[in-house]
């Protein structure tokens, strides 16, 4: 179970890091493009190019606003999901504790049960199952069949 959980965490880590590398690549490229635009002497441009520059800047601000808003809501959803996960883990603790107590009690009973009180029927004993029915009819009973099974401790 631990290996499955570790693989899941590794998969999530690799996926998230790939997404962040892609976002970093796009962000670096965008900042580079904006830096090039800022280096251009746009004060000497005609009015229509300056207006187009303002529209472009408004588009960039709008896109960054949308990104920030999406990331904010995603962060809130992640926090809610994490809180739900913790709640489920806390709610399952009594059941896990009960399973442990049942297992502990079962192991204690098995280890402390007097085996001499429980006799296995002769038809279930391993020595009878290995011999064929023809050999059992003509052969005298063996010492294993007449003696009760030994206690195994």
N, C-alpha and C. Protein backbone atom coordinates (compact mmCIF):
# COMPACT_ATOMS: atom_id res chain seq x y z
N UNK A 1 0.83 -1.20 0.00
CA UNK A 1 0.00 0.00 0.00
C UNK A 1 0.87 1.26 0.00
N UNK A 2 1.98 1.20 0.75
CA UNK A 2 2.88 2.35 0.81
C UNK A 2 3.49 2.63 -0.56
N UNK A 3 3.82 1.57 -1.31
CA UNK A 3 4.41 1.76 -2.63
C UNK A 3 3.42 2.43 -3.57
N UNK A 4 2.14 2.05 -3.49
CA UNK A 4 1.12 2.67 -4.33
C UNK A 4 0.99 4.14 -3.98
N UNK A 5 0.96 4.43 -2.68
CA UNK A 5 0.85 5.82 -2.23
C UNK A 5 2.07 6.63 -2.67
N UNK A 6 3.27 6.03 -2.55
CA UNK A 6 4.48 6.74 -2.98
C UNK A 6 4.47 6.98 -4.49
N UNK A 7 4.00 6.00 -5.27
CA UNK A 7 3.91 6.18 -6.72
C UNK A 7 2.92 7.28 -7.07
N UNK A 8 1.79 7.32 -6.37
CA UNK A 8 0.80 8.37 -6.60
C UNK A 8 1.38 9.75 -6.30
N UNK A 9 2.08 9.86 -5.18
CA UNK A 9 2.70 11.14 -4.84
C UNK A 9 3.77 11.54 -5.85
N UNK A 10 4.55 10.57 -6.32
CA UNK A 10 5.57 10.87 -7.33
C UNK A 10 4.92 11.32 -8.63
N UNK A 11 3.83 10.65 -9.03
CA UNK A 11 3.10 11.04 -10.24
C UNK A 11 2.55 12.46 -10.11
N UNK A 12 1.95 12.77 -8.97
CA UNK A 12 1.43 14.13 -8.75
C UNK A 12 2.56 15.15 -8.75
N UNK A 13 3.67 14.82 -8.09
CA UNK A 13 4.81 15.73 -8.04
C UNK A 13 5.36 16.00 -9.44
N UNK A 14 5.53 14.94 -10.23
CA UNK A 14 6.05 15.11 -11.59
C UNK A 14 5.09 15.92 -12.46
N UNK A 15 3.80 15.65 -12.33
CA UNK A 15 2.82 16.40 -13.11
C UNK A 15 2.78 17.87 -12.75
N UNK A 16 2.78 18.14 -11.46
CA UNK A 16 2.74 19.54 -11.02
C UNK A 16 4.03 20.26 -11.41
N UNK A 17 5.17 19.59 -11.28
CA UNK A 17 6.42 20.26 -11.65
C UNK A 17 6.49 20.50 -13.16
N UNK A 18 5.94 19.60 -13.97
CA UNK A 18 5.90 19.83 -15.42
C UNK A 18 5.02 21.03 -15.75
N UNK A 19 3.91 21.16 -15.08
CA UNK A 19 3.01 22.31 -15.31
C UNK A 19 3.73 23.60 -14.92
N UNK A 20 4.42 23.59 -13.77
CA UNK A 20 5.11 24.80 -13.34
C UNK A 20 6.27 25.14 -14.28
N UNK A 21 6.96 24.14 -14.83
CA UNK A 21 8.02 24.43 -15.80
C UNK A 21 7.43 25.08 -17.06
N UNK A 22 6.27 24.58 -17.51
CA UNK A 22 5.62 25.16 -18.68
C UNK A 22 5.19 26.59 -18.41
N UNK A 23 4.59 26.82 -17.23
CA UNK A 23 4.16 28.19 -16.87
C UNK A 23 5.38 29.10 -16.77
N UNK A 24 6.47 28.60 -16.21
CA UNK A 24 7.69 29.40 -16.12
C UNK A 24 8.21 29.76 -17.51
N UNK A 25 8.17 28.80 -18.43
CA UNK A 25 8.61 29.05 -19.79
C UNK A 25 7.77 30.14 -20.46
N UNK A 26 6.46 30.03 -20.34
CA UNK A 26 5.56 31.03 -20.93
C UNK A 26 5.75 32.39 -20.25
N UNK A 27 5.90 32.38 -18.92
CA UNK A 27 6.07 33.63 -18.20
C UNK A 27 7.36 34.32 -18.61
N UNK A 28 8.44 33.56 -18.73
CA UNK A 28 9.71 34.14 -19.14
C UNK A 28 9.62 34.72 -20.54
N UNK A 29 9.00 33.98 -21.44
CA UNK A 29 8.84 34.46 -22.80
C UNK A 29 8.00 35.75 -22.83
N UNK A 30 6.89 35.77 -22.04
CA UNK A 30 6.03 36.97 -22.01
C UNK A 30 6.77 38.18 -21.45
N UNK A 31 7.51 37.99 -20.38
CA UNK A 31 8.27 39.10 -19.79
C UNK A 31 9.32 39.59 -20.78
N UNK A 32 9.93 38.67 -21.51
CA UNK A 32 10.92 39.07 -22.52
C UNK A 32 10.27 39.91 -23.62
N UNK A 33 9.08 39.51 -24.06
CA UNK A 33 8.38 40.26 -25.10
C UNK A 33 7.98 41.65 -24.59
N UNK A 34 7.52 41.73 -23.35
CA UNK A 34 7.13 43.04 -22.78
C UNK A 34 8.37 43.92 -22.61
N UNK A 35 9.49 43.33 -22.20
CA UNK A 35 10.74 44.09 -22.05
C UNK A 35 11.20 44.64 -23.39
N UNK A 36 11.09 43.86 -24.45
CA UNK A 36 11.46 44.35 -25.79
C UNK A 36 10.55 45.50 -26.21
N UNK A 37 9.27 45.36 -25.87
CA UNK A 37 8.33 46.42 -26.24
C UNK A 37 8.64 47.70 -25.46
N UNK A 38 9.02 47.56 -24.20
CA UNK A 38 9.34 48.75 -23.40
C UNK A 38 10.62 49.41 -23.88
N UNK A 39 11.52 48.65 -24.50
CA UNK A 39 12.78 49.22 -24.98
C UNK A 39 12.61 49.99 -26.28
N UNK A 40 11.51 49.76 -26.98
CA UNK A 40 11.26 50.45 -28.24
C UNK A 40 10.86 51.90 -27.94
N UNK A 41 11.35 52.87 -28.70
CA UNK A 41 10.97 54.28 -28.45
C UNK A 41 9.53 54.54 -28.91
N UNK A 42 8.56 54.12 -28.13
CA UNK A 42 7.16 54.24 -28.53
C UNK A 42 6.64 55.67 -28.40
N UNK A 43 7.36 56.55 -27.76
CA UNK A 43 6.91 57.94 -27.65
C UNK A 43 6.89 58.62 -29.03
N UNK A 44 7.66 58.15 -29.97
CA UNK A 44 7.72 58.75 -31.29
C UNK A 44 6.77 58.08 -32.26
N UNK A 45 5.98 57.14 -31.80
CA UNK A 45 5.04 56.44 -32.67
C UNK A 45 3.85 57.33 -33.01
N UNK A 46 3.19 56.99 -34.09
CA UNK A 46 1.95 57.71 -34.38
C UNK A 46 0.88 57.35 -33.34
N UNK A 47 -0.16 58.15 -33.28
CA UNK A 47 -1.21 57.98 -32.27
C UNK A 47 -1.89 56.63 -32.36
N UNK A 48 -2.13 56.12 -33.57
CA UNK A 48 -2.84 54.84 -33.69
C UNK A 48 -2.00 53.68 -33.15
N UNK A 49 -0.65 53.75 -33.24
CA UNK A 49 0.20 52.70 -32.68
C UNK A 49 0.21 52.78 -31.15
N UNK A 50 0.17 54.00 -30.62
CA UNK A 50 0.11 54.15 -29.16
C UNK A 50 -1.22 53.61 -28.63
N UNK A 51 -2.30 53.86 -29.35
CA UNK A 51 -3.62 53.33 -28.97
C UNK A 51 -3.61 51.80 -29.03
N UNK A 52 -3.00 51.26 -30.07
CA UNK A 52 -2.88 49.81 -30.20
C UNK A 52 -2.04 49.24 -29.05
N UNK A 53 -0.99 49.98 -28.64
CA UNK A 53 -0.17 49.57 -27.50
C UNK A 53 -1.00 49.54 -26.22
N UNK A 54 -1.83 50.56 -26.02
CA UNK A 54 -2.70 50.60 -24.84
C UNK A 54 -3.69 49.43 -24.84
N UNK A 55 -4.26 49.12 -26.02
CA UNK A 55 -5.16 47.97 -26.11
C UNK A 55 -4.44 46.66 -25.77
N UNK A 56 -3.21 46.56 -26.28
CA UNK A 56 -2.43 45.37 -26.00
C UNK A 56 -2.11 45.26 -24.51
N UNK A 57 -1.73 46.36 -23.87
CA UNK A 57 -1.46 46.36 -22.44
C UNK A 57 -2.71 46.02 -21.65
N UNK A 58 -3.86 46.53 -22.08
CA UNK A 58 -5.12 46.19 -21.41
C UNK A 58 -5.41 44.69 -21.55
N UNK A 59 -5.12 44.11 -22.70
CA UNK A 59 -5.29 42.67 -22.90
C UNK A 59 -4.37 41.86 -21.99
N UNK A 60 -3.13 42.31 -21.84
CA UNK A 60 -2.18 41.61 -20.96
C UNK A 60 -2.64 41.70 -19.52
N UNK A 61 -3.07 42.87 -19.09
CA UNK A 61 -3.56 43.04 -17.71
C UNK A 61 -4.80 42.19 -17.49
N UNK A 62 -5.71 42.16 -18.44
CA UNK A 62 -6.92 41.33 -18.33
C UNK A 62 -6.55 39.86 -18.22
N UNK A 63 -5.61 39.38 -19.07
CA UNK A 63 -5.21 37.97 -19.03
C UNK A 63 -4.55 37.63 -17.71
N UNK A 64 -3.69 38.53 -17.20
CA UNK A 64 -3.04 38.28 -15.92
C UNK A 64 -4.06 38.31 -14.77
N UNK A 65 -5.05 39.17 -14.87
CA UNK A 65 -6.12 39.19 -13.87
C UNK A 65 -6.85 37.86 -13.85
N UNK A 66 -7.17 37.34 -15.06
CA UNK A 66 -7.87 36.05 -15.15
C UNK A 66 -7.02 34.92 -14.55
N UNK A 67 -5.72 34.96 -14.84
CA UNK A 67 -4.81 33.95 -14.29
C UNK A 67 -4.79 34.02 -12.77
N UNK A 68 -4.65 35.22 -12.25
CA UNK A 68 -4.64 35.40 -10.79
C UNK A 68 -5.93 34.94 -10.14
N UNK A 69 -7.05 35.27 -10.78
CA UNK A 69 -8.35 34.85 -10.23
C UNK A 69 -8.49 33.33 -10.25
N UNK A 70 -8.10 32.70 -11.38
CA UNK A 70 -8.17 31.23 -11.48
C UNK A 70 -7.28 30.58 -10.42
N UNK A 71 -6.06 31.11 -10.24
CA UNK A 71 -5.16 30.55 -9.25
C UNK A 71 -5.69 30.73 -7.83
N UNK A 72 -6.33 31.87 -7.57
CA UNK A 72 -6.92 32.10 -6.25
C UNK A 72 -8.02 31.09 -5.96
N UNK A 73 -8.93 30.88 -6.91
CA UNK A 73 -10.02 29.92 -6.70
C UNK A 73 -9.50 28.49 -6.64
N UNK A 74 -8.49 28.19 -7.43
CA UNK A 74 -7.90 26.85 -7.37
C UNK A 74 -7.22 26.62 -6.03
N UNK A 75 -6.53 27.62 -5.52
CA UNK A 75 -5.91 27.51 -4.19
C UNK A 75 -6.94 27.30 -3.10
N UNK A 76 -8.06 28.03 -3.20
CA UNK A 76 -9.13 27.85 -2.22
C UNK A 76 -9.72 26.44 -2.32
N UNK A 77 -9.91 25.95 -3.54
CA UNK A 77 -10.45 24.60 -3.72
C UNK A 77 -9.47 23.55 -3.19
N UNK A 78 -8.18 23.77 -3.38
CA UNK A 78 -7.18 22.83 -2.86
C UNK A 78 -7.22 22.82 -1.34
N UNK A 79 -7.33 23.98 -0.72
CA UNK A 79 -7.42 24.02 0.74
C UNK A 79 -8.67 23.31 1.25
N UNK A 80 -9.79 23.50 0.56
CA UNK A 80 -11.03 22.83 0.95
C UNK A 80 -10.88 21.31 0.78
N UNK A 81 -10.28 20.88 -0.31
CA UNK A 81 -10.08 19.44 -0.54
C UNK A 81 -9.14 18.86 0.51
N UNK A 82 -8.10 19.58 0.87
CA UNK A 82 -7.18 19.10 1.89
C UNK A 82 -7.88 19.00 3.25
N UNK A 83 -8.71 19.99 3.56
CA UNK A 83 -9.46 19.94 4.81
C UNK A 83 -10.44 18.76 4.80
N UNK A 84 -11.09 18.50 3.66
CA UNK A 84 -11.97 17.34 3.55
C UNK A 84 -11.20 16.03 3.73
N UNK A 85 -10.01 15.96 3.13
CA UNK A 85 -9.18 14.76 3.28
C UNK A 85 -8.82 14.53 4.75
N UNK A 86 -8.41 15.58 5.44
CA UNK A 86 -8.09 15.45 6.85
C UNK A 86 -9.32 15.03 7.66
N UNK A 87 -10.49 15.56 7.30
CA UNK A 87 -11.72 15.17 7.99
C UNK A 87 -12.04 13.70 7.79
N UNK A 88 -11.86 13.20 6.57
CA UNK A 88 -12.10 11.78 6.30
C UNK A 88 -11.12 10.92 7.07
N UNK A 89 -9.85 11.33 7.10
CA UNK A 89 -8.86 10.56 7.85
C UNK A 89 -9.19 10.52 9.34
N UNK A 90 -9.65 11.62 9.88
CA UNK A 90 -10.02 11.64 11.30
C UNK A 90 -11.26 10.79 11.54
N UNK A 91 -12.23 10.83 10.62
CA UNK A 91 -13.44 10.02 10.80
C UNK A 91 -13.17 8.53 10.68
N UNK A 92 -12.13 8.14 9.94
CA UNK A 92 -11.84 6.71 9.80
C UNK A 92 -10.98 6.16 10.93
N UNK A 93 -10.41 7.02 11.75
CA UNK A 93 -9.55 6.56 12.84
C UNK A 93 -10.26 5.56 13.78
N UNK A 94 -11.50 5.79 14.20
CA UNK A 94 -12.14 4.79 15.07
C UNK A 94 -12.28 3.42 14.40
N UNK A 95 -12.58 3.39 13.10
CA UNK A 95 -12.72 2.12 12.41
C UNK A 95 -11.38 1.40 12.29
N UNK A 96 -10.32 2.16 12.04
CA UNK A 96 -8.98 1.57 11.98
C UNK A 96 -8.59 1.02 13.35
N UNK A 97 -8.92 1.77 14.40
CA UNK A 97 -8.65 1.32 15.76
C UNK A 97 -9.43 0.05 16.07
N UNK A 98 -10.69 -0.01 15.67
CA UNK A 98 -11.51 -1.20 15.89
C UNK A 98 -10.94 -2.40 15.15
N UNK A 99 -10.49 -2.20 13.91
CA UNK A 99 -9.87 -3.30 13.15
C UNK A 99 -8.62 -3.80 13.85
N UNK A 100 -7.81 -2.90 14.39
CA UNK A 100 -6.61 -3.30 15.12
C UNK A 100 -6.94 -4.07 16.38
N UNK A 101 -7.97 -3.63 17.10
CA UNK A 101 -8.37 -4.33 18.33
C UNK A 101 -8.91 -5.72 18.00
N UNK A 102 -9.70 -5.83 16.93
CA UNK A 102 -10.21 -7.15 16.51
C UNK A 102 -9.05 -8.06 16.13
N UNK A 103 -8.09 -7.54 15.38
CA UNK A 103 -6.94 -8.35 14.98
C UNK A 103 -6.12 -8.76 16.20
N UNK A 104 -5.91 -7.85 17.14
CA UNK A 104 -5.17 -8.16 18.35
C UNK A 104 -5.88 -9.22 19.16
N UNK A 105 -7.20 -9.08 19.32
CA UNK A 105 -7.98 -10.08 20.06
C UNK A 105 -7.95 -11.43 19.38
N UNK A 106 -8.05 -11.44 18.06
CA UNK A 106 -8.01 -12.70 17.33
C UNK A 106 -6.67 -13.40 17.47
N UNK A 107 -5.59 -12.65 17.39
CA UNK A 107 -4.25 -13.23 17.55
C UNK A 107 -4.08 -13.76 18.97
N UNK A 108 -4.58 -13.02 19.96
CA UNK A 108 -4.47 -13.47 21.35
C UNK A 108 -5.24 -14.77 21.55
N UNK A 109 -6.46 -14.85 21.03
CA UNK A 109 -7.27 -16.07 21.17
C UNK A 109 -6.58 -17.24 20.48
N UNK A 110 -6.08 -17.02 19.28
CA UNK A 110 -5.41 -18.10 18.54
C UNK A 110 -4.17 -18.58 19.29
N UNK A 111 -3.39 -17.67 19.84
CA UNK A 111 -2.17 -18.05 20.55
C UNK A 111 -2.43 -18.68 21.90
N UNK A 112 -3.55 -18.38 22.56
CA UNK A 112 -3.81 -18.88 23.90
C UNK A 112 -4.90 -19.94 23.94
N UNK A 113 -5.42 -20.35 22.82
CA UNK A 113 -6.46 -21.38 22.79
C UNK A 113 -5.83 -22.74 23.03
N UNK A 114 -6.43 -23.54 23.88
CA UNK A 114 -5.93 -24.88 24.19
C UNK A 114 -6.31 -25.80 23.04
N UNK A 115 -5.31 -26.26 22.30
CA UNK A 115 -5.56 -27.08 21.13
C UNK A 115 -6.06 -28.47 21.49
N UNK A 116 -5.86 -28.92 22.72
CA UNK A 116 -6.32 -30.26 23.09
C UNK A 116 -7.85 -30.31 23.16
N UNK A 117 -8.49 -29.17 23.31
CA UNK A 117 -9.95 -29.15 23.35
C UNK A 117 -10.57 -29.32 21.98
N UNK A 118 -9.82 -29.01 20.95
CA UNK A 118 -10.34 -29.08 19.59
C UNK A 118 -9.71 -30.29 18.91
N UNK A 119 -10.53 -31.26 18.51
CA UNK A 119 -10.04 -32.46 17.84
C UNK A 119 -10.46 -32.39 16.38
N UNK A 120 -9.52 -32.72 15.50
CA UNK A 120 -9.82 -32.75 14.08
C UNK A 120 -10.39 -34.12 13.74
N UNK A 121 -11.50 -34.16 13.01
CA UNK A 121 -12.05 -35.46 12.63
C UNK A 121 -11.03 -36.27 11.83
N UNK A 122 -11.11 -37.58 11.96
CA UNK A 122 -10.13 -38.43 11.29
C UNK A 122 -10.20 -38.32 9.78
N UNK A 123 -11.36 -38.03 9.25
CA UNK A 123 -11.47 -37.92 7.80
C UNK A 123 -10.82 -36.65 7.26
N UNK A 124 -10.51 -35.67 8.14
CA UNK A 124 -9.82 -34.45 7.72
C UNK A 124 -8.32 -34.50 7.94
N UNK A 125 -7.82 -35.53 8.59
CA UNK A 125 -6.39 -35.61 8.88
C UNK A 125 -5.61 -35.85 7.60
N UNK A 126 -4.43 -35.31 7.52
CA UNK A 126 -3.61 -35.38 6.31
C UNK A 126 -3.16 -36.80 6.02
N UNK A 127 -2.94 -37.61 7.03
CA UNK A 127 -2.47 -38.97 6.79
C UNK A 127 -3.52 -39.80 6.07
N UNK A 128 -4.80 -39.56 6.30
CA UNK A 128 -5.86 -40.29 5.62
C UNK A 128 -6.02 -39.83 4.18
N UNK A 129 -5.75 -38.59 3.91
CA UNK A 129 -5.97 -38.06 2.57
C UNK A 129 -4.88 -38.51 1.61
N UNK A 130 -3.70 -38.83 2.11
CA UNK A 130 -2.61 -39.23 1.22
C UNK A 130 -2.73 -40.66 0.76
N UNK A 131 -3.40 -41.52 1.53
CA UNK A 131 -3.53 -42.92 1.11
C UNK A 131 -4.79 -43.09 0.28
N UNK A 132 -4.77 -44.05 -0.62
CA UNK A 132 -5.93 -44.29 -1.48
C UNK A 132 -6.99 -45.10 -0.73
N UNK A 133 -8.25 -45.06 -1.14
CA UNK A 133 -9.30 -45.79 -0.43
C UNK A 133 -9.08 -47.30 -0.46
N UNK A 134 -8.46 -47.84 -1.50
CA UNK A 134 -8.23 -49.28 -1.57
C UNK A 134 -7.25 -49.73 -0.50
N UNK A 135 -6.21 -48.91 -0.25
CA UNK A 135 -5.20 -49.26 0.75
C UNK A 135 -5.76 -49.15 2.15
N UNK A 136 -6.72 -48.24 2.37
CA UNK A 136 -7.28 -48.06 3.70
C UNK A 136 -8.13 -49.25 4.12
N UNK A 137 -8.81 -49.93 3.17
CA UNK A 137 -9.72 -51.02 3.53
C UNK A 137 -8.94 -52.24 3.98
N UNK A 138 -7.87 -52.61 3.30
CA UNK A 138 -7.15 -53.83 3.61
C UNK A 138 -6.04 -53.66 4.61
N UNK A 139 -5.57 -52.48 4.83
CA UNK A 139 -4.43 -52.28 5.71
C UNK A 139 -4.90 -52.06 7.14
N UNK A 140 -4.06 -52.50 8.11
CA UNK A 140 -4.42 -52.23 9.50
C UNK A 140 -4.30 -50.74 9.79
N UNK A 141 -5.05 -50.24 10.74
CA UNK A 141 -4.97 -48.81 11.06
C UNK A 141 -3.58 -48.45 11.55
N UNK A 142 -3.10 -47.33 11.07
CA UNK A 142 -1.76 -46.89 11.46
C UNK A 142 -1.83 -46.23 12.82
N UNK A 143 -0.65 -46.01 13.39
CA UNK A 143 -0.59 -45.38 14.71
C UNK A 143 -1.03 -43.92 14.64
N UNK A 144 -0.88 -43.28 13.48
CA UNK A 144 -1.29 -41.89 13.36
C UNK A 144 -2.80 -41.76 13.38
N UNK A 145 -3.51 -42.77 12.91
CA UNK A 145 -4.97 -42.65 12.87
C UNK A 145 -5.57 -42.85 14.24
N UNK A 146 -4.94 -43.66 15.09
CA UNK A 146 -5.54 -43.94 16.38
C UNK A 146 -5.17 -42.91 17.42
N UNK A 147 -4.05 -42.23 17.25
CA UNK A 147 -3.64 -41.24 18.23
C UNK A 147 -4.20 -39.86 17.88
N UNK A 148 -4.56 -39.07 18.88
CA UNK A 148 -5.04 -37.70 18.58
C UNK A 148 -3.88 -36.86 18.09
N UNK A 149 -4.17 -35.82 17.30
CA UNK A 149 -3.09 -34.95 16.80
C UNK A 149 -2.37 -34.28 17.96
N UNK A 150 -1.08 -34.07 17.77
CA UNK A 150 -0.26 -33.44 18.80
C UNK A 150 -0.49 -31.93 18.82
N UNK A 151 -0.31 -31.36 20.00
CA UNK A 151 -0.44 -29.89 20.12
C UNK A 151 0.75 -29.24 19.45
N UNK A 152 0.49 -28.21 18.73
CA UNK A 152 1.57 -27.47 18.09
C UNK A 152 1.65 -26.10 18.73
N UNK A 153 2.77 -25.84 19.32
CA UNK A 153 2.93 -24.54 19.99
C UNK A 153 4.16 -23.87 19.50
